[in-house]
Structures are given as structure tokens and as C-alpha cells.
Amino acid sequence: MENATKQTVVLNRPKINAKSSALAALMVLAAFFPFFAGPYWLDVGFLAVFYIVLGLGLNVVVGYAGLLDLGYSAFFAVGAYTTGIFMTQFQMNFFLALALSGIFAAVAGLIIGAPTLRLRSDYLAIVTLGFGEIVKISAKNLEFTGGASGIYGIMSPFPAPITFMGMTINNLTYCYWAILILAVIAIVASKRLGQSRIGRSWAYIREDEDAAEAMGINRVRSKLAAYSVGAFFGGLAGAVFAVKMTAIAPESFNFMQSVMILLAVILGGLGRISGVVIGAIIVIVLPESLRDLNKLIHLDVDIDRYRFLVFGVALVILMIFRPQGLVPESRGKE
């Protein structure tokens, strides 16, 4: 019996080492991406990693707890506006504003979570959609948020641009590395949360809320925890987004942003960390890669005008033939 156990450990060890090595290689490649990417693709890379963080936050709510949220853009709007207000009006240090952005967004998650405890399915989706619109309209009409013009003049907290190995390291590069660090933290935190006691509570609530409550799971506390944790991730991402753009406006946080984040989660696979990463990259990179398709296949059609149509058709086909997502959930994993 003992020998069989040792053999199993030896057989599993190469798989674990191979997976760890692949992840380490991907992280090194991502860290050095600014050195071989131009400004345009570096900006696309920032958006892809930015959507990974947002997708992981929404995955806690939708994938882990099974709570449909159509207003997730409101949470990273709270984070972005918190950073913008504190840095421009109170000259606060960015890293302190970053922490406050996450906290304020988590509080917003509690606010949206509290009145939706008894709601499910379509009714829950309608309430979250309304919350997202309330945040956007409030930002457009309140004086301290800058009204429709938003907040501008957000100073970069990073060092002045330098030249290293023939490459200019500027605010965009620093923001890319900052959001990449957040993505790594979000991946580790999501994995630990999924394997924790609260993660198992979310899974029970997702499968059968009534049965979970009958088993003694505190439904109120678990739902509020899901909303606040997911919103916290969104708030942190919004803070980095604010310093990257140096200006924010209400129209940056519209309903389509929430749809694209949800699309990344569903496309990759609900509840799967690796699926969210793949889905976010596809949602951002695929439409942009279609811009230059004419140069490759030399068609007389202006594909750039129809790239989102092509992207949408591809997603519909994918959902028909693989409705569970690119990386479907496996029992006992992730």
C-alpha cells in the first residue's frame, strides 16, 4: 500500500512540475512583453491584463457563487473615481488611494448585495443592471466627480520615462507592470478562495441555494462576501486604469463594459481561473488582431469596419458548439 502511494506521488510530480514551469514561463513572457511590443500592442496588452483582473473579480460573483451581475463596471468605476478624486483634490499617494479604491468598491459591493439577498435569476440581473446605471448617472451629475467632463489631470505616480535597452519605459509600461502584478495577486487569491471554506459555501449556493441554507450555510454572509470580494478586485483594477488614462469620464463605465467582462468569464468557462484568463485575452486581442487582416489576405473589403461582426459571429459559433466555455469546470480542480 505504501509503495503504491509513493508511485502515485512520483507519477503526479512531473505533471505538477510541468504545469508550474509553464506558468512561470508565461509570467516571464508577460513581464518582458513591453520590451518587444510596440506602444499600440502594449496598450492592447494592458487592456487584456486589465480585463483578466476584472474577469477574476466577476468570476467570484458569477462563477463561484452563481449570482448574475450585469453592472460590474460600476465597481471599477468606484475604484477609478476614488483614485481620481483623492489624487487630484487631496494630493493623496497613489498606493494609499489604491487601497481605498478597493475598500470603497467592496463597500459598494455590500450596498448592492444587501437588497438582492432574496432575488434570483432575472430579477437579480435587473437590479445589478440598474445599480450600474445609477453609478454612471450619478458620476455624470455630481459635482465632486467632475460631472459629464469627468476628472482629468491625474498625475502618474511612477518614475519619469527612461530609456533602457533601446526601449522607452514610460507611464504605460509602469501601468502594464502594475496591472500584471494585480493579476497575479488576483489569480492566487481566487485559487485560495475557491479552495477555502467560503469557496465551498459559494459552490453550494450556486448549485442549490435552498439546500445550502438547509445544511447550515449562512446564505446572507456568503452572498455579501462574494459581492464584496468581487467588487474589491474591480476597485483595484479601476485605480490602475485611472492613472493609466490620467483622465476618467462616466462614459468609460457603460453597460457594454459589463457585458464584455461577463463575456470573458462565460467564454472561458464559469468558475475556471485559467478559463477567465483565456477568455479575457480573446475578448480583447481577437477584435484588435482583425484590424490588420486585410494586409495579410489582401481582400478588397474593409474588414476593420466589420471586425466586431466577425468577432460576434465567432463567439456565437463557439457558444453553440462549446456552451460550457473553452475551459469547462472539472470537479475537484481549481
Protein backbone atom coordinates (compact mmCIF):
# COMPACT_ATOMS: atom_id res chain seq x y z
CA MET A 1 0.00 0.00 0.00
CA GLU A 2 2.80 2.36 0.93
CA ASN A 3 4.71 1.56 -2.27
CA ALA A 4 1.60 2.27 -4.37
CA THR A 5 1.21 5.66 -2.67
CA LYS A 6 4.84 6.53 -3.40
CA GLN A 7 4.42 5.54 -7.06
CA THR A 8 1.33 7.79 -7.36
CA VAL A 9 3.25 10.74 -5.91
CA VAL A 10 6.14 10.14 -8.31
CA LEU A 11 3.76 9.95 -11.32
CA ASN A 12 1.93 13.14 -10.34
CA ARG A 13 5.08 15.12 -9.63
CA PRO A 14 6.13 15.60 -13.31
CA LYS A 15 2.64 16.90 -14.14
CA ILE A 16 2.81 19.41 -11.29
CA ASN A 17 6.32 20.49 -12.25
CA ALA A 18 5.34 20.83 -15.92
CA LYS A 19 2.34 22.99 -15.02
CA SER A 20 4.41 25.17 -12.69
CA SER A 21 7.12 25.55 -15.31
CA ALA A 22 4.58 26.55 -17.95
CA LEU A 23 3.02 29.14 -15.63
CA ALA A 24 6.46 30.52 -14.73
CA ALA A 25 7.38 30.78 -18.43
CA LEU A 26 4.14 32.61 -19.19
CA MET A 27 4.74 35.04 -16.34
CA VAL A 28 8.27 35.79 -17.55
CA LEU A 29 6.97 36.27 -21.09
CA ALA A 30 4.25 38.61 -19.84
CA ALA A 31 6.73 40.59 -17.73
CA PHE A 32 9.05 41.11 -20.72
CA PHE A 33 6.22 41.79 -23.17
CA PRO A 34 6.86 45.59 -23.18
CA PHE A 35 10.40 45.01 -24.47
CA PHE A 36 9.29 43.51 -27.78
CA ALA A 37 5.84 45.10 -28.23
CA GLY A 38 5.18 48.49 -29.73
CA PRO A 39 3.10 51.16 -27.99
CA TYR A 40 -0.11 50.01 -29.69
CA TRP A 41 0.18 46.35 -28.72
CA LEU A 42 1.43 47.29 -25.26
CA ASP A 43 -1.79 49.23 -24.80
CA VAL A 44 -3.74 46.19 -26.03
CA GLY A 45 -1.74 44.04 -23.61
CA PHE A 46 -2.65 46.36 -20.74
CA LEU A 47 -6.34 46.09 -21.61
CA ALA A 48 -6.09 42.29 -21.81
CA VAL A 49 -4.50 42.01 -18.35
CA PHE A 50 -6.92 44.66 -17.05
CA TYR A 51 -9.83 42.50 -18.22
CA ILE A 52 -8.22 39.47 -16.59
CA VAL A 53 -8.36 41.21 -13.19
CA LEU A 54 -11.94 42.35 -13.79
CA GLY A 55 -12.91 38.91 -15.06
CA LEU A 56 -11.47 37.22 -11.98
CA GLY A 57 -13.44 39.59 -9.77
CA LEU A 58 -16.67 38.89 -11.64
CA ASN A 59 -15.86 35.18 -11.64
CA VAL A 60 -16.11 35.20 -7.83
CA VAL A 61 -19.67 36.53 -8.11
CA VAL A 62 -20.89 34.68 -11.21
CA GLY A 63 -18.65 31.63 -11.42
CA TYR A 64 -18.18 30.74 -7.76
CA ALA A 65 -21.43 31.96 -6.19
CA GLY A 66 -23.71 31.77 -9.24
CA LEU A 67 -25.02 35.35 -8.86
CA LEU A 68 -25.65 37.01 -12.23
CA ASP A 69 -24.23 40.55 -12.26
CA LEU A 70 -24.83 42.90 -15.22
CA GLY A 71 -23.49 46.02 -13.54
CA TYR A 72 -19.93 45.04 -12.68
CA SER A 73 -18.48 48.08 -14.42
CA ALA A 74 -19.88 50.14 -11.53
CA PHE A 75 -17.30 48.65 -9.18
CA PHE A 76 -14.25 49.55 -11.20
CA ALA A 77 -15.88 52.96 -11.76
CA VAL A 78 -15.96 53.39 -7.98
CA GLY A 79 -12.28 52.45 -7.82
CA ALA A 80 -11.30 54.78 -10.67
CA TYR A 81 -13.23 57.75 -9.28
CA THR A 82 -11.90 57.14 -5.76
CA THR A 83 -8.34 57.28 -7.03
CA GLY A 84 -9.04 60.26 -9.28
CA ILE A 85 -10.73 62.30 -6.53
CA PHE A 86 -8.17 61.57 -3.83
CA MET A 87 -5.16 62.14 -6.10
CA THR A 88 -6.40 65.35 -7.74
CA GLN A 89 -8.31 67.02 -4.90
CA PHE A 90 -6.38 65.77 -1.87
CA GLN A 91 -2.96 65.02 -3.45
CA MET A 92 -3.01 61.58 -1.87
CA ASN A 93 -0.31 58.99 -2.51
CA PHE A 94 -1.36 56.55 -5.22
CA PHE A 95 -0.76 53.40 -3.18
CA LEU A 96 -2.95 54.69 -0.35
CA ALA A 97 -5.59 55.69 -2.91
CA LEU A 98 -5.27 52.19 -4.42
CA ALA A 99 -6.11 50.58 -1.07
CA LEU A 100 -9.02 52.97 -0.51
CA SER A 101 -10.32 52.25 -4.01
CA GLY A 102 -10.54 48.56 -3.20
CA ILE A 103 -12.21 49.25 0.15
CA PHE A 104 -14.74 51.71 -1.28
CA ALA A 105 -15.59 49.28 -4.08
CA ALA A 106 -16.05 46.47 -1.53
CA VAL A 107 -18.45 48.71 0.41
CA ALA A 108 -20.31 49.32 -2.85
CA GLY A 109 -20.48 45.55 -3.26
CA LEU A 110 -22.12 45.28 0.15
CA ILE A 111 -24.58 48.01 -0.82
CA ILE A 112 -25.64 46.19 -3.98
CA GLY A 113 -25.57 42.82 -2.24
CA ALA A 114 -27.80 43.73 0.69
CA PRO A 115 -31.07 44.43 -1.20
CA THR A 116 -30.58 41.49 -3.57
CA LEU A 117 -30.32 38.71 -0.97
CA ARG A 118 -33.78 37.36 -1.77
CA LEU A 119 -33.54 37.88 -5.52
CA ARG A 120 -32.52 35.26 -8.05
CA SER A 121 -32.08 34.77 -11.78
CA ASP A 122 -33.54 37.52 -14.00
CA TYR A 123 -34.64 39.72 -11.10
CA LEU A 124 -31.11 39.78 -9.71
CA ALA A 125 -29.72 40.67 -13.14
CA ILE A 126 -32.17 43.58 -13.47
CA VAL A 127 -31.20 45.01 -10.07
CA THR A 128 -27.45 44.80 -10.79
CA LEU A 129 -28.01 46.39 -14.20
CA GLY A 130 -29.87 49.23 -12.51
CA PHE A 131 -27.08 49.67 -9.99
CA GLY A 132 -24.53 50.04 -12.79
CA GLU A 133 -26.63 52.70 -14.47
CA ILE A 134 -27.17 54.54 -11.16
CA VAL A 135 -23.41 54.78 -10.62
CA LYS A 136 -22.82 56.08 -14.16
CA ILE A 137 -25.64 58.65 -13.96
CA SER A 138 -24.52 59.77 -10.51
CA ALA A 139 -20.96 60.26 -11.75
CA LYS A 140 -22.29 62.30 -14.66
CA ASN A 141 -24.35 64.64 -12.46
CA LEU A 142 -22.44 65.02 -9.19
CA GLU A 143 -20.11 67.99 -8.83
CA PHE A 144 -17.27 66.26 -6.97
CA THR A 145 -17.00 63.65 -9.74
CA GLY A 146 -16.49 66.33 -12.37
CA GLY A 147 -19.90 65.91 -13.99
CA ALA A 148 -20.07 64.83 -17.61
CA SER A 149 -16.48 66.00 -18.20
CA GLY A 150 -15.16 63.65 -15.55
CA ILE A 151 -11.84 64.04 -13.74
CA TYR A 152 -8.65 64.94 -15.57
CA GLY A 153 -5.09 65.77 -14.60
CA ILE A 154 -4.47 62.55 -12.65
CA MET A 155 -0.70 62.57 -12.25
CA SER A 156 1.33 59.44 -12.84
CA PRO A 157 2.70 58.02 -9.56
CA PHE A 158 5.52 56.25 -11.37
CA PRO A 159 9.06 57.50 -12.16
CA ALA A 160 9.80 59.71 -15.14
CA PRO A 161 10.27 57.99 -18.52
CA ILE A 162 13.67 56.39 -19.03
CA THR A 163 15.38 54.58 -21.88
CA PHE A 164 16.55 51.03 -21.19
CA MET A 165 17.93 48.62 -23.81
CA GLY A 166 16.64 50.88 -26.56
CA MET A 167 13.11 50.92 -25.14
CA THR A 168 11.36 53.86 -23.52
CA ILE A 169 9.83 52.88 -20.18
CA ASN A 170 7.01 55.34 -19.63
CA ASN A 171 3.73 55.58 -17.73
CA LEU A 172 2.05 52.97 -19.95
CA THR A 173 4.83 50.47 -19.26
CA TYR A 174 4.66 51.03 -15.49
CA CYS A 175 0.86 50.70 -15.56
CA TYR A 176 1.17 47.46 -17.50
CA TRP A 177 3.51 46.03 -14.88
CA ALA A 178 1.25 47.29 -12.08
CA ILE A 179 -1.87 45.64 -13.53
CA LEU A 180 0.16 42.48 -14.20
CA ILE A 181 1.12 42.31 -10.52
CA LEU A 182 -2.54 42.78 -9.60
CA ALA A 183 -3.47 39.97 -11.99
CA VAL A 184 -1.01 37.58 -10.32
CA ILE A 185 -2.36 38.51 -6.88
CA ALA A 186 -5.95 38.08 -8.12
CA ILE A 187 -5.14 34.64 -9.59
CA VAL A 188 -3.54 33.42 -6.35
CA ALA A 189 -6.34 34.90 -4.23
CA SER A 190 -9.05 33.41 -6.47
CA LYS A 191 -7.49 29.96 -6.28
CA ARG A 192 -7.20 30.11 -2.49
CA LEU A 193 -10.74 31.43 -2.15
CA GLY A 194 -12.13 28.66 -4.36
CA GLN A 195 -10.49 26.02 -2.16
CA SER A 196 -11.46 27.65 1.13
CA ARG A 197 -14.50 27.14 3.33
CA ILE A 198 -16.23 30.23 1.94
CA GLY A 199 -15.47 28.98 -1.58
CA ARG A 200 -17.25 25.71 -0.86
CA SER A 201 -20.17 27.69 0.57
CA TRP A 202 -20.38 29.65 -2.70
CA ALA A 203 -20.37 26.40 -4.67
CA TYR A 204 -23.26 25.00 -2.60
CA ILE A 205 -25.25 28.22 -3.02
CA ARG A 206 -24.62 28.14 -6.77
CA GLU A 207 -25.87 24.57 -7.11
CA ASP A 208 -28.89 24.78 -4.79
CA GLU A 209 -29.45 27.79 -2.56
CA ASP A 210 -32.27 26.24 -0.54
CA ALA A 211 -30.36 23.04 0.12
CA ALA A 212 -27.28 25.04 1.10
CA GLU A 213 -29.28 27.00 3.65
CA ALA A 214 -30.80 23.77 5.00
CA MET A 215 -27.26 22.44 5.51
CA GLY A 216 -26.49 25.38 7.78
CA ILE A 217 -24.67 27.68 5.35
CA ASN A 218 -25.18 31.35 6.14
CA ARG A 219 -26.67 32.47 2.83
CA VAL A 220 -26.62 36.19 3.69
CA ARG A 221 -23.00 36.28 4.77
CA SER A 222 -21.82 34.15 1.83
CA LYS A 223 -23.56 36.29 -0.79
CA LEU A 224 -22.31 39.53 0.73
CA ALA A 225 -18.79 38.11 0.86
CA ALA A 226 -18.98 37.20 -2.85
CA TYR A 227 -20.14 40.68 -3.84
CA SER A 228 -17.57 42.47 -1.68
CA VAL A 229 -14.61 40.31 -2.79
CA GLY A 230 -15.53 40.63 -6.46
CA ALA A 231 -16.01 44.37 -6.10
CA PHE A 232 -12.65 44.70 -4.30
CA PHE A 233 -10.84 43.25 -7.34
CA GLY A 234 -12.74 45.65 -9.60
CA GLY A 235 -11.86 48.64 -7.42
CA LEU A 236 -8.14 47.86 -7.55
CA ALA A 237 -8.23 47.49 -11.33
CA GLY A 238 -10.13 50.77 -11.63
CA ALA A 239 -7.42 52.59 -9.67
CA VAL A 240 -4.70 51.48 -12.09
CA PHE A 241 -6.98 52.32 -15.02
CA ALA A 242 -7.35 55.88 -13.71
CA VAL A 243 -3.61 56.58 -13.51
CA LYS A 244 -3.04 54.93 -16.87
CA MET A 245 -5.62 57.13 -18.62
CA THR A 246 -4.78 60.23 -16.47
CA ALA A 247 -8.45 61.19 -17.01
CA ILE A 248 -11.76 59.40 -16.45
CA ALA A 249 -15.29 60.11 -17.64
CA PRO A 250 -18.66 58.47 -16.94
CA GLU A 251 -18.94 57.08 -20.47
CA SER A 252 -15.94 54.84 -19.78
CA PHE A 253 -18.10 52.74 -17.46
CA ASN A 254 -21.14 51.96 -19.58
CA PHE A 255 -23.22 48.80 -19.81
CA MET A 256 -21.14 47.37 -22.67
CA GLN A 257 -18.13 47.23 -20.36
CA SER A 258 -20.08 44.97 -18.00
CA VAL A 259 -21.18 42.82 -20.94
CA MET A 260 -17.61 42.41 -22.21
CA ILE A 261 -16.35 41.41 -18.76
CA LEU A 262 -19.18 38.90 -18.37
CA LEU A 263 -18.47 37.64 -21.88
CA ALA A 264 -14.83 36.95 -20.94
CA VAL A 265 -15.96 34.88 -17.94
CA ILE A 266 -18.58 32.88 -19.85
CA LEU A 267 -16.36 32.40 -22.89
CA GLY A 268 -13.51 30.99 -20.82
CA GLY A 269 -15.67 28.88 -18.53
CA LEU A 270 -17.60 29.78 -15.38
CA GLY A 271 -15.64 29.13 -12.21
CA ARG A 272 -12.36 28.46 -14.00
CA ILE A 273 -9.40 30.75 -13.37
CA SER A 274 -7.50 29.63 -16.47
CA GLY A 275 -10.70 29.99 -18.48
CA VAL A 276 -11.15 33.60 -17.36
CA VAL A 277 -7.57 34.40 -18.36
CA ILE A 278 -8.04 32.87 -21.82
CA GLY A 279 -11.47 34.46 -22.27
CA ALA A 280 -10.23 37.94 -21.35
CA ILE A 281 -7.31 37.69 -23.77
CA ILE A 282 -9.58 36.55 -26.61
CA VAL A 283 -12.19 39.26 -25.95
CA ILE A 284 -9.54 42.00 -26.18
CA VAL A 285 -6.96 40.65 -28.60
CA LEU A 286 -9.17 38.99 -31.25
CA PRO A 287 -11.05 42.16 -32.35
CA GLU A 288 -7.79 44.12 -32.46
CA SER A 289 -6.00 41.44 -34.47
CA LEU A 290 -8.73 41.67 -37.13
CA ARG A 291 -7.77 45.30 -37.85
CA ASP A 292 -4.79 44.33 -39.99
CA LEU A 293 -6.32 41.24 -41.58
CA ASN A 294 -6.52 42.98 -44.94
CA LYS A 295 -2.74 43.26 -45.03
CA LEU A 296 -2.43 39.50 -44.64
CA ILE A 297 -5.08 38.19 -47.04
CA HIS A 298 -5.31 41.19 -49.43
CA LEU A 299 -9.09 41.44 -49.70
CA ASP A 300 -10.91 44.40 -51.23
CA VAL A 301 -13.27 44.53 -48.25
CA ASP A 302 -12.59 46.92 -45.40
CA ILE A 303 -12.59 44.27 -42.68
CA ASP A 304 -11.90 46.87 -39.99
CA ARG A 305 -15.48 48.06 -40.38
CA TYR A 306 -16.82 44.55 -39.82
CA ARG A 307 -14.34 43.23 -37.25
CA PHE A 308 -16.85 43.27 -34.39
CA LEU A 309 -19.38 41.50 -36.62
CA VAL A 310 -16.81 38.79 -37.35
CA PHE A 311 -15.94 38.66 -33.66
CA GLY A 312 -19.62 38.28 -32.71
CA VAL A 313 -20.24 35.51 -35.25
CA ALA A 314 -17.18 33.64 -33.98
CA LEU A 315 -18.47 33.87 -30.40
CA VAL A 316 -21.94 32.64 -31.39
CA ILE A 317 -20.42 29.63 -33.18
CA LEU A 318 -18.25 28.92 -30.16
CA MET A 319 -21.21 29.08 -27.78
CA ILE A 320 -23.20 26.70 -30.00
CA PHE A 321 -20.51 24.04 -30.18
CA ARG A 322 -18.97 24.60 -26.73
CA PRO A 323 -21.58 26.17 -24.43
CA GLN A 324 -19.64 25.23 -21.29
CA GLY A 325 -16.78 27.53 -22.31
CA LEU A 326 -13.27 26.94 -23.57
CA VAL A 327 -12.11 25.54 -20.22
CA PRO A 328 -15.12 23.76 -18.66
CA GLU A 329 -15.22 23.23 -14.93
CA SER A 330 -13.79 19.96 -13.63
CA ARG A 331 -14.81 18.57 -10.29
CA GLY A 332 -12.10 18.88 -7.71
CA LYS A 333 -9.93 21.25 -9.74
CA GLU A 334 -9.36 24.95 -9.48
